[in-house]
N, C-alpha and C. Protein backbone atom coordinates (compact mmCIF):
# COMPACT_ATOMS: atom_id res chain seq x y z
N MET A 1 -100.25 -84.18 -39.10
CA MET A 1 -101.13 -83.64 -38.11
C MET A 1 -100.80 -84.30 -36.78
N THR A 2 -100.53 -83.48 -35.79
CA THR A 2 -100.23 -83.98 -34.45
C THR A 2 -101.44 -83.78 -33.56
N ARG A 3 -101.70 -84.78 -32.77
CA ARG A 3 -102.85 -84.74 -31.89
C ARG A 3 -102.37 -85.15 -30.51
N THR A 4 -102.76 -84.40 -29.51
CA THR A 4 -102.40 -84.73 -28.14
C THR A 4 -103.32 -85.85 -27.66
N VAL A 5 -102.70 -86.85 -27.07
CA VAL A 5 -103.45 -88.00 -26.56
C VAL A 5 -103.39 -87.97 -25.05
N GLU A 6 -104.51 -88.16 -24.41
CA GLU A 6 -104.56 -88.19 -22.96
C GLU A 6 -104.76 -89.63 -22.49
N TYR A 7 -104.08 -89.97 -21.41
CA TYR A 7 -104.17 -91.31 -20.84
C TYR A 7 -104.73 -91.22 -19.43
N LEU A 8 -105.28 -92.32 -18.96
CA LEU A 8 -105.76 -92.38 -17.59
C LEU A 8 -104.59 -92.18 -16.64
N SER A 9 -104.82 -91.48 -15.56
CA SER A 9 -103.78 -91.23 -14.58
C SER A 9 -103.22 -92.55 -14.07
N GLY A 10 -101.92 -92.63 -14.01
CA GLY A 10 -101.26 -93.83 -13.51
C GLY A 10 -100.98 -94.87 -14.58
N VAL A 11 -101.58 -94.75 -15.76
CA VAL A 11 -101.34 -95.72 -16.82
C VAL A 11 -100.06 -95.37 -17.57
N VAL A 12 -99.92 -94.11 -17.93
CA VAL A 12 -98.73 -93.62 -18.61
C VAL A 12 -98.29 -92.36 -17.89
N ASP A 13 -97.04 -92.31 -17.49
CA ASP A 13 -96.54 -91.11 -16.81
C ASP A 13 -96.26 -90.03 -17.84
N GLY A 14 -96.62 -88.82 -17.55
CA GLY A 14 -96.33 -87.70 -18.42
C GLY A 14 -97.49 -87.39 -19.34
N ALA A 15 -97.26 -86.38 -20.17
CA ALA A 15 -98.29 -85.94 -21.12
C ALA A 15 -98.41 -86.95 -22.25
N GLY A 16 -99.27 -86.63 -23.21
CA GLY A 16 -99.47 -87.51 -24.35
C GLY A 16 -98.18 -87.82 -25.08
N ILE A 17 -98.11 -88.98 -25.66
CA ILE A 17 -96.92 -89.44 -26.36
C ILE A 17 -97.22 -89.51 -27.84
N ASN A 18 -96.39 -88.89 -28.65
CA ASN A 18 -96.54 -88.95 -30.10
C ASN A 18 -95.47 -89.90 -30.63
N VAL A 19 -95.86 -91.13 -30.94
CA VAL A 19 -94.90 -92.13 -31.40
C VAL A 19 -94.44 -91.87 -32.83
N LEU A 20 -95.09 -90.98 -33.55
CA LEU A 20 -94.71 -90.69 -34.93
C LEU A 20 -93.81 -89.46 -35.06
N ALA A 21 -93.57 -88.77 -33.97
CA ALA A 21 -92.75 -87.55 -34.03
C ALA A 21 -91.34 -87.88 -34.50
N GLY A 22 -90.86 -87.11 -35.42
CA GLY A 22 -89.48 -87.26 -35.89
C GLY A 22 -89.26 -88.36 -36.91
N ILE A 23 -90.31 -89.03 -37.36
CA ILE A 23 -90.12 -90.10 -38.34
C ILE A 23 -89.71 -89.53 -39.70
N GLY A 24 -90.26 -88.40 -40.07
CA GLY A 24 -89.91 -87.79 -41.35
C GLY A 24 -90.84 -88.25 -42.46
N THR A 25 -90.44 -87.96 -43.69
CA THR A 25 -91.24 -88.26 -44.86
C THR A 25 -90.74 -89.54 -45.53
N ALA A 26 -91.64 -90.33 -46.03
CA ALA A 26 -91.27 -91.56 -46.74
C ALA A 26 -90.51 -91.20 -48.01
N SER A 27 -89.51 -92.02 -48.33
CA SER A 27 -88.71 -91.78 -49.53
C SER A 27 -88.93 -92.87 -50.57
N TRP A 28 -90.06 -93.53 -50.52
CA TRP A 28 -90.36 -94.59 -51.47
C TRP A 28 -91.79 -94.38 -51.97
N PRO A 29 -92.07 -94.88 -53.18
CA PRO A 29 -93.41 -94.69 -53.76
C PRO A 29 -94.46 -95.53 -53.02
N ALA A 30 -95.71 -95.11 -53.15
CA ALA A 30 -96.81 -95.80 -52.45
C ALA A 30 -96.88 -97.26 -52.84
N ARG A 31 -96.70 -97.57 -54.12
CA ARG A 31 -96.81 -98.98 -54.52
C ARG A 31 -95.69 -99.82 -53.91
N GLN A 32 -94.54 -99.21 -53.63
CA GLN A 32 -93.48 -99.95 -52.95
C GLN A 32 -93.87 -100.20 -51.50
N SER A 33 -94.60 -99.27 -50.90
CA SER A 33 -95.10 -99.48 -49.54
C SER A 33 -96.06 -100.66 -49.50
N VAL A 34 -96.90 -100.77 -50.51
CA VAL A 34 -97.83 -101.90 -50.60
C VAL A 34 -97.05 -103.20 -50.79
N ALA A 35 -96.05 -103.17 -51.67
CA ALA A 35 -95.23 -104.37 -51.89
C ALA A 35 -94.53 -104.79 -50.60
N TYR A 36 -94.09 -103.82 -49.81
CA TYR A 36 -93.46 -104.09 -48.52
C TYR A 36 -94.44 -104.80 -47.59
N GLU A 37 -95.66 -104.29 -47.50
CA GLU A 37 -96.67 -104.90 -46.64
C GLU A 37 -97.01 -106.31 -47.11
N VAL A 38 -97.07 -106.50 -48.42
CA VAL A 38 -97.33 -107.84 -48.98
C VAL A 38 -96.18 -108.77 -48.64
N ALA A 39 -94.95 -108.28 -48.74
CA ALA A 39 -93.78 -109.10 -48.41
C ALA A 39 -93.80 -109.49 -46.93
N LEU A 40 -94.16 -108.54 -46.06
CA LEU A 40 -94.26 -108.87 -44.63
C LEU A 40 -95.32 -109.93 -44.38
N GLU A 41 -96.47 -109.79 -45.04
CA GLU A 41 -97.52 -110.80 -44.88
C GLU A 41 -97.03 -112.15 -45.41
N GLY A 42 -96.29 -112.12 -46.51
CA GLY A 42 -95.72 -113.36 -47.04
C GLY A 42 -94.78 -114.01 -46.04
N CYS A 43 -93.96 -113.21 -45.37
CA CYS A 43 -93.08 -113.74 -44.33
C CYS A 43 -93.89 -114.38 -43.22
N ARG A 44 -94.97 -113.72 -42.81
CA ARG A 44 -95.83 -114.30 -41.77
C ARG A 44 -96.45 -115.62 -42.23
N GLN A 45 -96.85 -115.68 -43.49
CA GLN A 45 -97.42 -116.92 -44.03
C GLN A 45 -96.37 -118.04 -44.03
N VAL A 46 -95.14 -117.72 -44.42
CA VAL A 46 -94.08 -118.72 -44.43
C VAL A 46 -93.78 -119.19 -43.01
N VAL A 47 -93.72 -118.27 -42.06
CA VAL A 47 -93.48 -118.65 -40.66
C VAL A 47 -94.60 -119.57 -40.18
N GLY A 48 -95.84 -119.26 -40.54
CA GLY A 48 -96.96 -120.13 -40.19
C GLY A 48 -96.87 -121.49 -40.84
N TRP A 49 -96.42 -121.52 -42.10
CA TRP A 49 -96.23 -122.79 -42.80
C TRP A 49 -95.18 -123.63 -42.07
N TYR A 50 -94.08 -122.99 -41.66
CA TYR A 50 -93.06 -123.72 -40.90
C TYR A 50 -93.63 -124.21 -39.58
N THR A 51 -94.44 -123.42 -38.91
CA THR A 51 -95.06 -123.85 -37.64
C THR A 51 -95.88 -125.11 -37.85
N ALA A 52 -96.72 -125.12 -38.87
CA ALA A 52 -97.54 -126.31 -39.16
C ALA A 52 -96.67 -127.50 -39.53
N THR A 53 -95.63 -127.27 -40.30
CA THR A 53 -94.73 -128.36 -40.71
C THR A 53 -93.99 -128.92 -39.50
N ILE A 54 -93.54 -128.04 -38.61
CA ILE A 54 -92.85 -128.47 -37.40
C ILE A 54 -93.79 -129.26 -36.50
N GLU A 55 -95.01 -128.78 -36.33
CA GLU A 55 -95.99 -129.50 -35.50
C GLU A 55 -96.27 -130.88 -36.07
N ALA A 56 -96.39 -130.99 -37.38
CA ALA A 56 -96.63 -132.30 -38.01
C ALA A 56 -95.43 -133.22 -37.80
N ALA A 57 -94.23 -132.68 -37.92
CA ALA A 57 -93.02 -133.50 -37.74
C ALA A 57 -92.89 -133.94 -36.28
N GLU A 58 -93.26 -133.08 -35.35
CA GLU A 58 -93.20 -133.44 -33.93
C GLU A 58 -94.23 -134.51 -33.57
N ALA A 59 -95.32 -134.56 -34.30
CA ALA A 59 -96.40 -135.52 -34.01
C ALA A 59 -96.10 -136.92 -34.54
N GLU A 60 -95.06 -137.06 -35.34
CA GLU A 60 -94.72 -138.38 -35.87
C GLU A 60 -94.30 -139.31 -34.73
N ALA A 61 -94.43 -140.62 -34.97
CA ALA A 61 -94.08 -141.61 -33.95
C ALA A 61 -92.62 -141.46 -33.51
N GLU A 62 -91.73 -141.26 -34.48
CA GLU A 62 -90.31 -141.05 -34.18
C GLU A 62 -89.85 -139.79 -34.91
N PRO A 63 -90.00 -138.63 -34.28
CA PRO A 63 -89.62 -137.38 -34.94
C PRO A 63 -88.13 -137.35 -35.31
N ASP A 64 -87.84 -136.80 -36.46
CA ASP A 64 -86.47 -136.64 -36.93
C ASP A 64 -85.92 -135.36 -36.31
N VAL A 65 -85.05 -135.51 -35.32
CA VAL A 65 -84.54 -134.38 -34.56
C VAL A 65 -83.77 -133.41 -35.46
N GLU A 66 -82.98 -133.94 -36.38
CA GLU A 66 -82.22 -133.07 -37.29
C GLU A 66 -83.15 -132.27 -38.20
N GLN A 67 -84.19 -132.93 -38.71
CA GLN A 67 -85.14 -132.23 -39.56
C GLN A 67 -85.85 -131.13 -38.78
N LEU A 68 -86.25 -131.43 -37.54
CA LEU A 68 -86.92 -130.43 -36.72
C LEU A 68 -86.02 -129.22 -36.47
N GLU A 69 -84.75 -129.47 -36.18
CA GLU A 69 -83.84 -128.35 -35.95
C GLU A 69 -83.64 -127.53 -37.22
N ARG A 70 -83.56 -128.20 -38.37
CA ARG A 70 -83.42 -127.49 -39.65
C ARG A 70 -84.64 -126.63 -39.91
N LEU A 71 -85.83 -127.19 -39.68
CA LEU A 71 -87.07 -126.43 -39.88
C LEU A 71 -87.14 -125.22 -38.95
N ARG A 72 -86.76 -125.42 -37.69
CA ARG A 72 -86.78 -124.30 -36.74
C ARG A 72 -85.78 -123.21 -37.13
N THR A 73 -84.61 -123.64 -37.61
CA THR A 73 -83.61 -122.67 -38.07
C THR A 73 -84.13 -121.88 -39.26
N GLU A 74 -84.73 -122.57 -40.22
CA GLU A 74 -85.27 -121.89 -41.39
C GLU A 74 -86.40 -120.94 -41.00
N GLN A 75 -87.21 -121.34 -40.04
CA GLN A 75 -88.29 -120.47 -39.56
C GLN A 75 -87.70 -119.20 -38.94
N ARG A 76 -86.65 -119.36 -38.14
CA ARG A 76 -86.00 -118.19 -37.53
C ARG A 76 -85.40 -117.27 -38.59
N ILE A 77 -84.89 -117.85 -39.67
CA ILE A 77 -84.35 -117.04 -40.77
C ILE A 77 -85.45 -116.17 -41.35
N TRP A 78 -86.63 -116.74 -41.55
CA TRP A 78 -87.75 -115.96 -42.11
C TRP A 78 -88.20 -114.87 -41.15
N VAL A 79 -88.20 -115.15 -39.85
CA VAL A 79 -88.55 -114.11 -38.88
C VAL A 79 -87.53 -112.98 -38.96
N ALA A 80 -86.24 -113.33 -39.04
CA ALA A 80 -85.20 -112.31 -39.15
C ALA A 80 -85.33 -111.51 -40.44
N GLU A 81 -85.67 -112.19 -41.53
CA GLU A 81 -85.88 -111.49 -42.81
C GLU A 81 -86.99 -110.45 -42.68
N ALA A 82 -88.08 -110.84 -42.04
CA ALA A 82 -89.21 -109.91 -41.88
C ALA A 82 -88.81 -108.72 -41.02
N LEU A 83 -88.06 -108.97 -39.96
CA LEU A 83 -87.65 -107.88 -39.08
C LEU A 83 -86.66 -106.95 -39.75
N ALA A 84 -85.83 -107.47 -40.64
CA ALA A 84 -84.80 -106.67 -41.30
C ALA A 84 -85.32 -105.94 -42.54
N LEU A 85 -86.47 -106.35 -43.05
CA LEU A 85 -87.00 -105.77 -44.28
C LEU A 85 -87.37 -104.30 -44.09
N SER A 86 -87.11 -103.51 -45.10
CA SER A 86 -87.43 -102.08 -45.06
C SER A 86 -88.24 -101.70 -46.28
N PRO A 87 -89.18 -100.78 -46.15
CA PRO A 87 -89.95 -100.33 -47.31
C PRO A 87 -89.06 -99.66 -48.36
N ALA A 88 -87.89 -99.19 -47.96
CA ALA A 88 -86.98 -98.53 -48.89
C ALA A 88 -86.12 -99.53 -49.66
N ASP A 89 -86.17 -100.80 -49.31
CA ASP A 89 -85.32 -101.83 -49.92
C ASP A 89 -86.09 -102.61 -50.98
N ALA A 90 -86.18 -102.06 -52.19
CA ALA A 90 -86.94 -102.71 -53.27
C ALA A 90 -86.38 -104.09 -53.59
N ALA A 91 -85.06 -104.21 -53.63
CA ALA A 91 -84.45 -105.51 -53.95
C ALA A 91 -84.77 -106.54 -52.86
N GLY A 92 -84.72 -106.12 -51.60
CA GLY A 92 -85.05 -107.03 -50.50
C GLY A 92 -86.50 -107.46 -50.54
N ILE A 93 -87.38 -106.53 -50.88
CA ILE A 93 -88.81 -106.84 -50.99
C ILE A 93 -89.02 -107.89 -52.08
N ARG A 94 -88.39 -107.69 -53.23
CA ARG A 94 -88.52 -108.65 -54.33
C ARG A 94 -87.96 -110.01 -53.93
N ARG A 95 -86.78 -110.01 -53.31
CA ARG A 95 -86.11 -111.26 -52.94
C ARG A 95 -86.98 -112.06 -51.98
N VAL A 96 -87.48 -111.41 -50.94
CA VAL A 96 -88.31 -112.08 -49.94
C VAL A 96 -89.63 -112.55 -50.56
N SER A 97 -90.25 -111.71 -51.35
CA SER A 97 -91.52 -112.08 -51.99
C SER A 97 -91.35 -113.26 -52.93
N ASP A 98 -90.32 -113.21 -53.75
CA ASP A 98 -90.09 -114.29 -54.71
C ASP A 98 -89.73 -115.60 -54.01
N ALA A 99 -88.90 -115.53 -52.97
CA ALA A 99 -88.52 -116.74 -52.25
C ALA A 99 -89.71 -117.33 -51.51
N GLY A 100 -90.54 -116.48 -50.93
CA GLY A 100 -91.74 -116.96 -50.25
C GLY A 100 -92.70 -117.64 -51.20
N GLU A 101 -92.87 -117.03 -52.38
CA GLU A 101 -93.75 -117.63 -53.38
C GLU A 101 -93.20 -118.96 -53.86
N ALA A 102 -91.89 -119.04 -54.04
CA ALA A 102 -91.28 -120.29 -54.47
C ALA A 102 -91.45 -121.39 -53.42
N LEU A 103 -91.47 -120.99 -52.15
CA LEU A 103 -91.58 -121.97 -51.07
C LEU A 103 -93.01 -122.42 -50.83
N ILE A 104 -93.95 -121.49 -50.75
CA ILE A 104 -95.33 -121.86 -50.41
C ILE A 104 -96.35 -121.35 -51.40
N GLY A 105 -95.89 -120.90 -52.57
CA GLY A 105 -96.80 -120.33 -53.55
C GLY A 105 -97.82 -121.32 -54.08
N VAL A 106 -98.88 -120.79 -54.62
CA VAL A 106 -99.95 -121.59 -55.19
C VAL A 106 -99.43 -122.29 -56.44
N PRO A 107 -99.74 -123.58 -56.61
CA PRO A 107 -99.30 -124.29 -57.80
C PRO A 107 -99.86 -123.67 -59.08
N ASP A 108 -99.19 -123.96 -60.19
CA ASP A 108 -99.69 -123.46 -61.47
C ASP A 108 -100.91 -124.26 -61.90
N ASP A 109 -101.42 -124.00 -63.09
CA ASP A 109 -102.64 -124.66 -63.58
C ASP A 109 -102.51 -126.17 -63.70
N ASP A 110 -101.28 -126.68 -63.83
CA ASP A 110 -101.06 -128.12 -63.95
C ASP A 110 -100.91 -128.79 -62.59
N GLY A 111 -100.98 -128.01 -61.52
CA GLY A 111 -100.86 -128.58 -60.18
C GLY A 111 -99.43 -128.78 -59.72
N VAL A 112 -98.47 -128.30 -60.50
CA VAL A 112 -97.07 -128.45 -60.12
C VAL A 112 -96.66 -127.25 -59.27
N PRO A 113 -96.17 -127.48 -58.05
CA PRO A 113 -95.75 -126.35 -57.22
C PRO A 113 -94.70 -125.52 -57.95
N LEU A 114 -94.80 -124.21 -57.83
CA LEU A 114 -93.87 -123.32 -58.51
C LEU A 114 -92.43 -123.62 -58.15
N ALA A 115 -92.17 -123.98 -56.90
CA ALA A 115 -90.80 -124.24 -56.46
C ALA A 115 -90.22 -125.48 -57.13
N ALA A 116 -91.06 -126.38 -57.61
CA ALA A 116 -90.58 -127.61 -58.22
C ALA A 116 -90.38 -127.49 -59.73
N GLN A 117 -90.71 -126.36 -60.30
CA GLN A 117 -90.59 -126.20 -61.74
C GLN A 117 -89.15 -125.89 -62.13
N PRO A 118 -88.73 -126.35 -63.31
CA PRO A 118 -87.37 -126.05 -63.76
C PRO A 118 -87.14 -124.54 -63.78
N GLY A 119 -85.94 -124.15 -63.37
CA GLY A 119 -85.60 -122.74 -63.38
C GLY A 119 -85.95 -122.03 -62.09
N GLU A 120 -86.64 -122.71 -61.20
CA GLU A 120 -86.97 -122.10 -59.91
C GLU A 120 -85.94 -122.55 -58.88
N ALA A 121 -85.91 -121.86 -57.76
CA ALA A 121 -84.96 -122.17 -56.70
C ALA A 121 -85.33 -123.48 -56.03
N ASP A 122 -84.31 -124.21 -55.59
CA ASP A 122 -84.60 -125.40 -54.81
C ASP A 122 -84.56 -125.03 -53.33
N GLU A 123 -84.85 -126.00 -52.47
CA GLU A 123 -84.97 -125.71 -51.04
C GLU A 123 -83.70 -125.11 -50.46
N ASP A 124 -82.51 -125.56 -50.95
CA ASP A 124 -81.26 -125.03 -50.44
C ASP A 124 -81.10 -123.55 -50.74
N ASP A 125 -81.73 -123.07 -51.81
CA ASP A 125 -81.64 -121.66 -52.16
C ASP A 125 -82.54 -120.81 -51.27
N LEU A 126 -83.51 -121.41 -50.62
CA LEU A 126 -84.52 -120.64 -49.89
C LEU A 126 -84.20 -120.45 -48.43
N ALA A 127 -83.31 -121.23 -47.89
CA ALA A 127 -82.94 -121.06 -46.49
C ALA A 127 -81.46 -121.35 -46.35
N GLY A 128 -80.81 -120.58 -45.57
CA GLY A 128 -79.39 -120.73 -45.37
C GLY A 128 -78.83 -119.42 -44.87
N ASP A 129 -77.49 -119.27 -44.99
CA ASP A 129 -76.93 -118.01 -44.51
C ASP A 129 -77.40 -116.86 -45.38
N SER A 130 -77.42 -115.68 -44.80
CA SER A 130 -78.07 -114.54 -45.47
C SER A 130 -77.44 -114.20 -46.81
N ASP A 131 -76.14 -114.47 -47.00
CA ASP A 131 -75.52 -114.15 -48.28
C ASP A 131 -75.94 -115.12 -49.37
N ALA A 132 -76.24 -116.36 -49.01
CA ALA A 132 -76.58 -117.36 -50.01
C ALA A 132 -78.08 -117.54 -50.18
N SER A 133 -78.85 -116.99 -49.26
CA SER A 133 -80.30 -117.17 -49.34
C SER A 133 -80.86 -116.62 -50.62
N TYR A 134 -81.80 -117.35 -51.19
CA TYR A 134 -82.53 -116.92 -52.37
C TYR A 134 -81.63 -116.73 -53.58
N ALA A 135 -80.55 -117.47 -53.61
CA ALA A 135 -79.63 -117.36 -54.75
C ALA A 135 -80.18 -118.13 -55.94
N GLY A 136 -79.49 -118.08 -57.01
CA GLY A 136 -79.87 -118.86 -58.18
C GLY A 136 -81.03 -118.26 -58.92
N ASP A 137 -81.94 -119.10 -59.34
CA ASP A 137 -83.04 -118.68 -60.21
C ASP A 137 -84.32 -118.37 -59.46
N ALA A 138 -84.26 -118.09 -58.16
CA ALA A 138 -85.48 -117.88 -57.38
C ALA A 138 -86.24 -116.64 -57.81
N ARG A 139 -85.55 -115.65 -58.35
CA ARG A 139 -86.22 -114.40 -58.70
C ARG A 139 -86.39 -114.31 -60.21
N PRO A 140 -87.62 -114.09 -60.66
CA PRO A 140 -87.82 -113.94 -62.09
C PRO A 140 -87.08 -112.70 -62.60
N GLU A 141 -86.81 -112.70 -63.88
CA GLU A 141 -86.17 -111.54 -64.48
C GLU A 141 -87.06 -110.32 -64.30
N HIS A 142 -86.43 -109.19 -64.05
CA HIS A 142 -87.17 -107.93 -63.88
C HIS A 142 -87.58 -107.41 -65.25
N ASP A 143 -88.79 -106.92 -65.34
CA ASP A 143 -89.34 -106.40 -66.59
C ASP A 143 -89.06 -104.90 -66.66
N ASP A 144 -87.85 -104.53 -67.14
CA ASP A 144 -87.45 -103.13 -67.18
C ASP A 144 -88.32 -102.27 -68.08
N LYS A 145 -88.91 -102.85 -69.12
CA LYS A 145 -89.68 -102.02 -70.04
C LYS A 145 -90.93 -101.44 -69.38
N HIS A 146 -91.39 -102.06 -68.27
CA HIS A 146 -92.54 -101.53 -67.55
C HIS A 146 -92.14 -100.77 -66.29
N ASP A 147 -90.84 -100.65 -66.06
CA ASP A 147 -90.35 -99.97 -64.86
C ASP A 147 -90.19 -98.49 -65.16
N ASP A 148 -91.30 -97.76 -65.09
CA ASP A 148 -91.30 -96.35 -65.49
C ASP A 148 -90.59 -95.43 -64.50
N GLU A 149 -90.40 -95.87 -63.28
CA GLU A 149 -89.76 -95.01 -62.29
C GLU A 149 -88.37 -95.50 -61.90
N GLY A 150 -87.92 -96.63 -62.47
CA GLY A 150 -86.60 -97.16 -62.15
C GLY A 150 -86.47 -97.63 -60.71
N ASP A 151 -87.60 -97.99 -60.10
CA ASP A 151 -87.59 -98.38 -58.70
C ASP A 151 -87.68 -99.89 -58.49
N GLY A 152 -87.62 -100.66 -59.58
CA GLY A 152 -87.72 -102.10 -59.46
C GLY A 152 -89.13 -102.62 -59.50
N PHE A 153 -90.10 -101.72 -59.68
CA PHE A 153 -91.49 -102.11 -59.72
C PHE A 153 -92.06 -101.70 -61.06
N GLY A 154 -92.77 -102.61 -61.72
CA GLY A 154 -93.32 -102.32 -63.04
C GLY A 154 -94.49 -101.37 -62.98
N ALA A 155 -94.93 -100.94 -64.13
CA ALA A 155 -96.01 -99.95 -64.24
C ALA A 155 -97.30 -100.44 -63.62
N GLY A 156 -97.52 -101.76 -63.60
CA GLY A 156 -98.75 -102.29 -63.06
C GLY A 156 -98.79 -102.29 -61.55
N GLY A 157 -97.69 -101.95 -60.91
CA GLY A 157 -97.67 -101.87 -59.46
C GLY A 157 -97.31 -103.18 -58.78
N GLY A 158 -97.18 -104.27 -59.54
CA GLY A 158 -96.81 -105.54 -58.94
C GLY A 158 -95.31 -105.67 -58.85
N LEU A 159 -94.86 -106.76 -58.25
CA LEU A 159 -93.44 -106.95 -58.06
C LEU A 159 -92.69 -107.20 -59.36
N ASP A 160 -93.38 -107.64 -60.39
CA ASP A 160 -92.69 -107.90 -61.65
C ASP A 160 -93.31 -107.14 -62.80
N GLY A 161 -94.09 -106.12 -62.51
CA GLY A 161 -94.62 -105.24 -63.54
C GLY A 161 -95.83 -105.81 -64.24
N GLY A 162 -96.24 -105.15 -65.29
CA GLY A 162 -97.37 -105.60 -66.08
C GLY A 162 -98.67 -104.99 -65.60
N ALA A 163 -99.61 -104.90 -66.49
CA ALA A 163 -100.89 -104.25 -66.18
C ALA A 163 -101.69 -105.02 -65.15
N GLU A 164 -101.51 -106.33 -65.05
CA GLU A 164 -102.27 -107.13 -64.09
C GLU A 164 -101.65 -107.07 -62.71
N GLY A 165 -100.49 -106.47 -62.55
CA GLY A 165 -99.89 -106.38 -61.23
C GLY A 165 -98.68 -107.27 -61.08
N TRP A 166 -98.80 -108.55 -61.41
CA TRP A 166 -97.68 -109.46 -61.25
C TRP A 166 -96.90 -109.62 -62.55
N GLY A 167 -97.45 -109.25 -63.67
CA GLY A 167 -96.73 -109.37 -64.92
C GLY A 167 -96.88 -110.72 -65.58
N ASP A 168 -97.62 -111.63 -64.95
CA ASP A 168 -97.80 -112.95 -65.56
C ASP A 168 -99.27 -113.33 -65.63
N GLY A 169 -100.15 -112.35 -65.51
CA GLY A 169 -101.57 -112.60 -65.67
C GLY A 169 -102.30 -113.05 -64.42
N ARG A 170 -101.59 -113.15 -63.28
CA ARG A 170 -102.26 -113.61 -62.06
C ARG A 170 -103.11 -112.53 -61.43
N GLY A 171 -102.83 -111.27 -61.70
CA GLY A 171 -103.66 -110.19 -61.17
C GLY A 171 -103.26 -109.64 -59.87
């Protein structure tokens, strides 16, 4: 549905502007759109985490200049990841979501951060050049038996399938 928008004279030159004209139809399922939005929010959360970490490091009596530069570089990588992410890129959505969870995810019931558990990615896997980022064991195995549409998303609508959404009971 197209609607003509009117602007105050002098604010915008010309008639109404339709910023959605020519975009076309989405070629991905609705649940993948939701996963994309969740991944973007995850990127924003990681960028915020880096901001807080950088501010804390800068507040130290003798800030570690190399550490600060590394943190700033990693933060820029996450900003670039968010900008490059597409709702049509199921693998990219999974990669970014899984890496973000490994970096700042909520600890398990034992209080052990997910990133510190055996089989999870270490810090070097989470930031670096784009080809090496999120390598190794950062992404859980995909649950193909619940992937009814072959789109990388399980029947529960979460990134790893399952009726609860995430496939591991988190909901």
